[in-house]
Each structure stands twice: as structure tokens, then as C-alpha cells.
């Protein structure tokens, strides 16, 4: 079963959010500095994916 690009973006966004939560909690609770960097990277990835996903939703809305 192949996934549509929209579903792929959605899944990537969920994964990036999970990474952000994990790394942010690790930094806040344990003080692991590299986790702060990873959390910021996940936020940047989420930003890119949010823009992409918003565009996908808009295009789909206009087609219906």
C-alpha cells in the first residue's frame, strides 16, 4: 500500500513533533545540551512541514 504525499507529510510532521517533545523533555529534565539543539532542529523541520502541509490542504480544498 503506497501512501499519498499528503499522508507522508502528515506522518513526517507527527514524527518531528515526537522528536521535539522527547528532546525538549530530555533537555529540561536532564540538562542534556545536545537535546536542546535537536529540539530546535525538530522545530525547524516542523516549520517546513507545516508550510508544506498547509499548501497541500489548500490545494485539496480548491479541488473539491
PDB file of N, CA and C in Angstrom:
ATOM      1  N   UNK A   1       0.840  -1.182   0.000  1.00  0.00           N
ATOM      2  CA  UNK A   1       0.000   0.000   0.000  1.00  0.00           C
ATOM      3  C   UNK A   1       0.885   1.245   0.000  1.00  0.00           C
ATOM      4  N   UNK A   2       0.752   2.086  -0.979  1.00  0.00           N
ATOM      5  CA  UNK A   2       1.547   3.302  -1.027  1.00  0.00           C
ATOM      6  C   UNK A   2       0.786   4.433  -0.339  1.00  0.00           C
ATOM      7  N   UNK A   3       1.553   5.351   0.224  1.00  0.00           N
ATOM      8  CA  UNK A   3       0.929   6.480   0.891  1.00  0.00           C
ATOM      9  C   UNK A   3       0.952   7.681  -0.034  1.00  0.00           C
ATOM     10  N   UNK A   4      -0.072   8.511   0.078  1.00  0.00           N
ATOM     11  CA  UNK A   4      -0.108   9.723  -0.725  1.00  0.00           C
ATOM     12  C   UNK A   4       0.882  10.732  -0.143  1.00  0.00           C
ATOM     13  N   UNK A   5       1.303  11.681  -0.957  1.00  0.00           N
ATOM     14  CA  UNK A   5       2.233  12.705  -0.444  1.00  0.00           C
ATOM     15  C   UNK A   5       1.657  13.457   0.757  1.00  0.00           C
ATOM     16  N   UNK A   6       0.324  13.662   0.759  1.00  0.00           N
ATOM     17  CA  UNK A   6      -0.309  14.362   1.865  1.00  0.00           C
ATOM     18  C   UNK A   6      -0.160  13.563   3.157  1.00  0.00           C
ATOM     19  N   UNK A   7      -0.415  12.263   3.073  1.00  0.00           N
ATOM     20  CA  UNK A   7      -0.279  11.422   4.261  1.00  0.00           C
ATOM     21  C   UNK A   7       1.170  11.349   4.704  1.00  0.00           C
ATOM     22  N   UNK A   8       2.087  11.333   3.750  1.00  0.00           N
ATOM     23  CA  UNK A   8       3.509  11.288   4.085  1.00  0.00           C
ATOM     24  C   UNK A   8       3.920  12.545   4.849  1.00  0.00           C
ATOM     25  N   UNK A   9       3.476  13.699   4.391  1.00  0.00           N
ATOM     26  CA  UNK A   9       3.775  14.955   5.075  1.00  0.00           C
ATOM     27  C   UNK A   9       3.192  14.940   6.480  1.00  0.00           C
ATOM     28  N   UNK A  10       1.975  14.463   6.597  1.00  0.00           N
ATOM     29  CA  UNK A  10       1.308  14.376   7.908  1.00  0.00           C
ATOM     30  C   UNK A  10       2.108  13.489   8.859  1.00  0.00           C
ATOM     31  N   UNK A  11       2.549  12.350   8.379  1.00  0.00           N
ATOM     32  CA  UNK A  11       3.326  11.426   9.210  1.00  0.00           C
ATOM     33  C   UNK A  11       4.685  12.026   9.585  1.00  0.00           C
ATOM     34  N   UNK A  12       5.316  12.711   8.656  1.00  0.00           N
ATOM     35  CA  UNK A  12       6.602  13.354   8.938  1.00  0.00           C
ATOM     36  C   UNK A  12       6.428  14.436  10.008  1.00  0.00           C
ATOM     37  N   UNK A  13       5.323  15.148   9.932  1.00  0.00           N
ATOM     38  CA  UNK A  13       5.033  16.183  10.914  1.00  0.00           C
ATOM     39  C   UNK A  13       4.828  15.572  12.304  1.00  0.00           C
ATOM     40  N   UNK A  14       4.112  14.464  12.368  1.00  0.00           N
ATOM     41  CA  UNK A  14       3.913  13.775  13.647  1.00  0.00           C
ATOM     42  C   UNK A  14       5.241  13.276  14.211  1.00  0.00           C
ATOM     43  N   UNK A  15       6.090  12.750  13.353  1.00  0.00           N
ATOM     44  CA  UNK A  15       7.395  12.252  13.789  1.00  0.00           C
ATOM     45  C   UNK A  15       8.268  13.395  14.308  1.00  0.00           C
ATOM     46  N   UNK A  16       8.288  14.501  13.585  1.00  0.00           N
ATOM     47  CA  UNK A  16       9.087  15.658  14.008  1.00  0.00           C
ATOM     48  C   UNK A  16       8.593  16.183  15.358  1.00  0.00           C
ATOM     49  N   UNK A  17       7.287  16.189  15.564  1.00  0.00           N
ATOM     50  CA  UNK A  17       6.736  16.644  16.834  1.00  0.00           C
ATOM     51  C   UNK A  17       7.141  15.705  17.969  1.00  0.00           C
ATOM     52  N   UNK A  18       7.115  14.406  17.706  1.00  0.00           N
ATOM     53  CA  UNK A  18       7.513  13.433  18.721  1.00  0.00           C
ATOM     54  C   UNK A  18       8.987  13.613  19.090  1.00  0.00           C
ATOM     55  N   UNK A  19       9.829  13.869  18.096  1.00  0.00           N
ATOM     56  CA  UNK A  19      11.251  14.106  18.353  1.00  0.00           C
ATOM     57  C   UNK A  19      11.413  15.368  19.193  1.00  0.00           C
ATOM     58  N   UNK A  20      10.677  16.415  18.837  1.00  0.00           N
ATOM     59  CA  UNK A  20      10.753  17.665  19.596  1.00  0.00           C
ATOM     60  C   UNK A  20      10.384  17.435  21.062  1.00  0.00           C
ATOM     61  N   UNK A  21       9.272  16.758  21.309  1.00  0.00           N
ATOM     62  CA  UNK A  21       8.826  16.510  22.677  1.00  0.00           C
ATOM     63  C   UNK A  21       9.882  15.720  23.457  1.00  0.00           C
ATOM     64  N   UNK A  22      10.380  14.660  22.846  1.00  0.00           N
ATOM     65  CA  UNK A  22      11.376  13.811  23.512  1.00  0.00           C
ATOM     66  C   UNK A  22      12.636  14.597  23.862  1.00  0.00           C
ATOM     67  N   UNK A  23      13.157  15.319  22.887  1.00  0.00           N
ATOM     68  CA  UNK A  23      14.412  16.040  23.097  1.00  0.00           C
ATOM     69  C   UNK A  23      14.234  17.233  24.038  1.00  0.00           C
ATOM     70  N   UNK A  24      13.120  17.913  23.941  1.00  0.00           N
ATOM     71  CA  UNK A  24      12.868  19.052  24.813  1.00  0.00           C
ATOM     72  C   UNK A  24      12.750  18.590  26.270  1.00  0.00           C
ATOM     73  N   UNK A  25      12.018  17.517  26.488  1.00  0.00           N
ATOM     74  CA  UNK A  25      11.894  16.982  27.848  1.00  0.00           C
ATOM     75  C   UNK A  25      13.242  16.498  28.381  1.00  0.00           C
ATOM     76  N   UNK A  26      14.018  15.889  27.523  1.00  0.00           N
ATOM     77  CA  UNK A  26      15.345  15.415  27.934  1.00  0.00           C
ATOM     78  C   UNK A  26      16.237  16.588  28.342  1.00  0.00           C
ATOM     79  N   UNK A  27      16.167  17.671  27.578  1.00  0.00           N
ATOM     80  CA  UNK A  27      16.945  18.866  27.911  1.00  0.00           C
ATOM     81  C   UNK A  27      16.445  19.493  29.210  1.00  0.00           C
ATOM     82  N   UNK A  28      15.131  19.666  29.332  1.00  0.00           N
ATOM     83  CA  UNK A  28      14.557  20.310  30.511  1.00  0.00           C
ATOM     84  C   UNK A  28      14.783  19.493  31.782  1.00  0.00           C
ATOM     85  N   UNK A  29      14.643  18.185  31.695  1.00  0.00           N
ATOM     86  CA  UNK A  29      14.714  17.345  32.884  1.00  0.00           C
ATOM     87  C   UNK A  29      16.125  16.903  33.236  1.00  0.00           C
ATOM     88  N   UNK A  30      16.947  16.652  32.207  1.00  0.00           N
ATOM     89  CA  UNK A  30      18.274  16.098  32.464  1.00  0.00           C
ATOM     90  C   UNK A  30      19.404  17.073  32.146  1.00  0.00           C
ATOM     91  N   UNK A  31      19.068  18.174  31.483  1.00  0.00           N
ATOM     92  CA  UNK A  31      20.083  19.160  31.153  1.00  0.00           C
ATOM     93  C   UNK A  31      21.030  18.749  30.043  1.00  0.00           C
ATOM     94  N   UNK A  32      20.605  17.817  29.182  1.00  0.00           N
ATOM     95  CA  UNK A  32      21.443  17.350  28.081  1.00  0.00           C
ATOM     96  C   UNK A  32      21.440  18.425  26.984  1.00  0.00           C
ATOM     97  N   UNK A  33      22.566  19.091  26.822  1.00  0.00           N
ATOM     98  CA  UNK A  33      22.628  20.247  25.921  1.00  0.00           C
ATOM     99  C   UNK A  33      22.395  19.884  24.453  1.00  0.00           C
ATOM    100  N   UNK A  34      22.870  18.734  24.007  1.00  0.00           N
ATOM    101  CA  UNK A  34      22.667  18.340  22.608  1.00  0.00           C
ATOM    102  C   UNK A  34      21.175  18.163  22.319  1.00  0.00           C
ATOM    103  N   UNK A  35      20.402  17.839  23.342  1.00  0.00           N
ATOM    104  CA  UNK A  35      18.963  17.685  23.152  1.00  0.00           C
ATOM    105  C   UNK A  35      18.298  19.014  22.819  1.00  0.00           C
ATOM    106  N   UNK A  36      18.829  20.109  23.359  1.00  0.00           N
ATOM    107  CA  UNK A  36      18.292  21.429  23.018  1.00  0.00           C
ATOM    108  C   UNK A  36      18.494  21.696  21.525  1.00  0.00           C
ATOM    109  N   UNK A  37      19.661  21.342  21.005  1.00  0.00           N
ATOM    110  CA  UNK A  37      19.934  21.519  19.578  1.00  0.00           C
ATOM    111  C   UNK A  37      18.999  20.647  18.745  1.00  0.00           C
ATOM    112  N   UNK A  38      18.811  19.406  19.150  1.00  0.00           N
ATOM    113  CA  UNK A  38      17.919  18.506  18.416  1.00  0.00           C
ATOM    114  C   UNK A  38      16.479  18.995  18.465  1.00  0.00           C
ATOM    115  N   UNK A  39      16.068  19.547  19.592  1.00  0.00           N
ATOM    116  CA  UNK A  39      14.709  20.092  19.706  1.00  0.00           C
ATOM    117  C   UNK A  39      14.531  21.264  18.747  1.00  0.00           C
ATOM    118  N   UNK A  40      15.526  22.122  18.665  1.00  0.00           N
ATOM    119  CA  UNK A  40      15.456  23.256  17.731  1.00  0.00           C
ATOM    120  C   UNK A  40      15.429  22.778  16.283  1.00  0.00           C
ATOM    121  N   UNK A  41      16.208  21.748  15.978  1.00  0.00           N
ATOM    122  CA  UNK A  41      16.192  21.194  14.623  1.00  0.00           C
ATOM    123  C   UNK A  41      14.817  20.623  14.295  1.00  0.00           C
ATOM    124  N   UNK A  42      14.208  19.955  15.251  1.00  0.00           N
ATOM    125  CA  UNK A  42      12.867  19.400  15.040  1.00  0.00           C
ATOM    126  C   UNK A  42      11.870  20.522  14.815  1.00  0.00           C
ATOM    127  N   UNK A  43      12.005  21.624  15.538  1.00  0.00           N
ATOM    128  CA  UNK A  43      11.108  22.767  15.332  1.00  0.00           C
ATOM    129  C   UNK A  43      11.272  23.351  13.924  1.00  0.00           C
ATOM    130  N   UNK A  44      12.509  23.441  13.460  1.00  0.00           N
ATOM    131  CA  UNK A  44      12.739  23.935  12.096  1.00  0.00           C
ATOM    132  C   UNK A  44      12.123  22.997  11.060  1.00  0.00           C
ATOM    133  N   UNK A  45      12.252  21.713  11.284  1.00  0.00           N
ATOM    134  CA  UNK A  45      11.663  20.728  10.379  1.00  0.00           C
ATOM    135  C   UNK A  45      10.141  20.841  10.408  1.00  0.00           C
ATOM    136  N   UNK A  46       9.584  21.030  11.594  1.00  0.00           N
ATOM    137  CA  UNK A  46       8.132  21.192  11.711  1.00  0.00           C
ATOM    138  C   UNK A  46       7.675  22.434  10.955  1.00  0.00           C
ATOM    139  N   UNK A  47       8.425  23.499  11.052  1.00  0.00           N
ATOM    140  CA  UNK A  47       8.078  24.738  10.346  1.00  0.00           C
ATOM    141  C   UNK A  47       7.972  24.480   8.843  1.00  0.00           C
ATOM    142  N   UNK A  48       8.978  23.793   8.308  1.00  0.00           N
ATOM    143  CA  UNK A  48       8.977  23.480   6.878  1.00  0.00           C
ATOM    144  C   UNK A  48       7.782  22.596   6.519  1.00  0.00           C
ATOM    145  N   UNK A  49       7.532  21.579   7.335  1.00  0.00           N
ATOM    146  CA  UNK A  49       6.438  20.646   7.064  1.00  0.00           C
ATOM    147  C   UNK A  49       5.071  21.303   7.220  1.00  0.00           C
ATOM    148  N   UNK A  50       4.940  22.217   8.170  1.00  0.00           N
ATOM    149  CA  UNK A  50       3.670  22.923   8.363  1.00  0.00           C
ATOM    150  C   UNK A  50       3.324  23.738   7.127  1.00  0.00           C
ATOM    151  N   UNK A  51       4.300  24.431   6.589  1.00  0.00           N
ATOM    152  CA  UNK A  51       4.073  25.221   5.376  1.00  0.00           C
ATOM    153  C   UNK A  51       3.663  24.309   4.221  1.00  0.00           C
ATOM    154  N   UNK A  52       4.376  23.201   4.080  1.00  0.00           N
ATOM    155  CA  UNK A  52       4.069  22.245   3.012  1.00  0.00           C
ATOM    156  C   UNK A  52       2.670  21.654   3.189  1.00  0.00           C
ATOM    157  N   UNK A  53       2.343  21.244   4.412  1.00  0.00           N
ATOM    158  CA  UNK A  53       1.046  20.617   4.675  1.00  0.00           C
ATOM    159  C   UNK A  53      -0.092  21.609   4.469  1.00  0.00           C
ATOM    160  N   UNK A  54       0.118  22.855   4.877  1.00  0.00           N
ATOM    161  CA  UNK A  54      -0.899  23.884   4.679  1.00  0.00           C
ATOM    162  C   UNK A  54      -1.193  24.067   3.192  1.00  0.00           C
ATOM    163  N   UNK A  55      -0.146  24.067   2.391  1.00  0.00           N
ATOM    164  CA  UNK A  55      -0.308  24.196   0.949  1.00  0.00           C
ATOM    165  C   UNK A  55      -1.069  22.996   0.381  1.00  0.00           C
ATOM    166  N   UNK A  56      -0.744  21.796   0.841  1.00  0.00           N
ATOM    167  CA  UNK A  56      -1.449  20.597   0.379  1.00  0.00           C
ATOM    168  C   UNK A  56      -2.932  20.667   0.708  1.00  0.00           C
ATOM    169  N   UNK A  57      -3.238  21.098   1.915  1.00  0.00           N
ATOM    170  CA  UNK A  57      -4.644  21.198   2.320  1.00  0.00           C
ATOM    171  C   UNK A  57      -5.386  22.248   1.497  1.00  0.00           C
ATOM    172  N   UNK A  58      -4.724  23.361   1.258  1.00  0.00           N
ATOM    173  CA  UNK A  58      -5.341  24.427   0.459  1.00  0.00           C
ATOM    174  C   UNK A  58      -5.627  23.937  -0.956  1.00  0.00           C
ATOM    175  N   UNK A  59      -4.668  23.256  -1.564  1.00  0.00           N
ATOM    176  CA  UNK A  59      -4.868  22.732  -2.919  1.00  0.00           C
ATOM    177  C   UNK A  59      -6.007  21.725  -2.962  1.00  0.00           C
ATOM    178  N   UNK A  60      -6.063  20.861  -1.967  1.00  0.00           N
ATOM    179  CA  UNK A  60      -7.125  19.859  -1.915  1.00  0.00           C
ATOM    180  C   UNK A  60      -8.493  20.520  -1.737  1.00  0.00           C
ATOM    181  N   UNK A  61      -8.541  21.560  -0.920  1.00  0.00           N
ATOM    182  CA  UNK A  61      -9.784  22.298  -0.709  1.00  0.00           C
ATOM    183  C   UNK A  61     -10.269  22.932  -2.009  1.00  0.00           C
ATOM    184  N   UNK A  62      -9.350  23.490  -2.762  1.00  0.00           N
ATOM    185  CA  UNK A  62      -9.709  24.164  -4.009  1.00  0.00           C
ATOM    186  C   UNK A  62     -10.166  23.177  -5.088  1.00  0.00           C
ATOM    187  N   UNK A  63      -9.719  21.922  -4.998  1.00  0.00           N
ATOM    188  CA  UNK A  63     -10.109  20.905  -5.977  1.00  0.00           C
ATOM    189  C   UNK A  63     -11.506  20.361  -5.714  1.00  0.00           C
ATOM    190  N   UNK A  64     -11.991  20.505  -4.508  1.00  0.00           N
ATOM    191  CA  UNK A  64     -13.304  19.937  -4.168  1.00  0.00           C
ATOM    192  C   UNK A  64     -14.394  20.971  -4.240  1.00  0.00           C
TER     193      UNK A  64
END
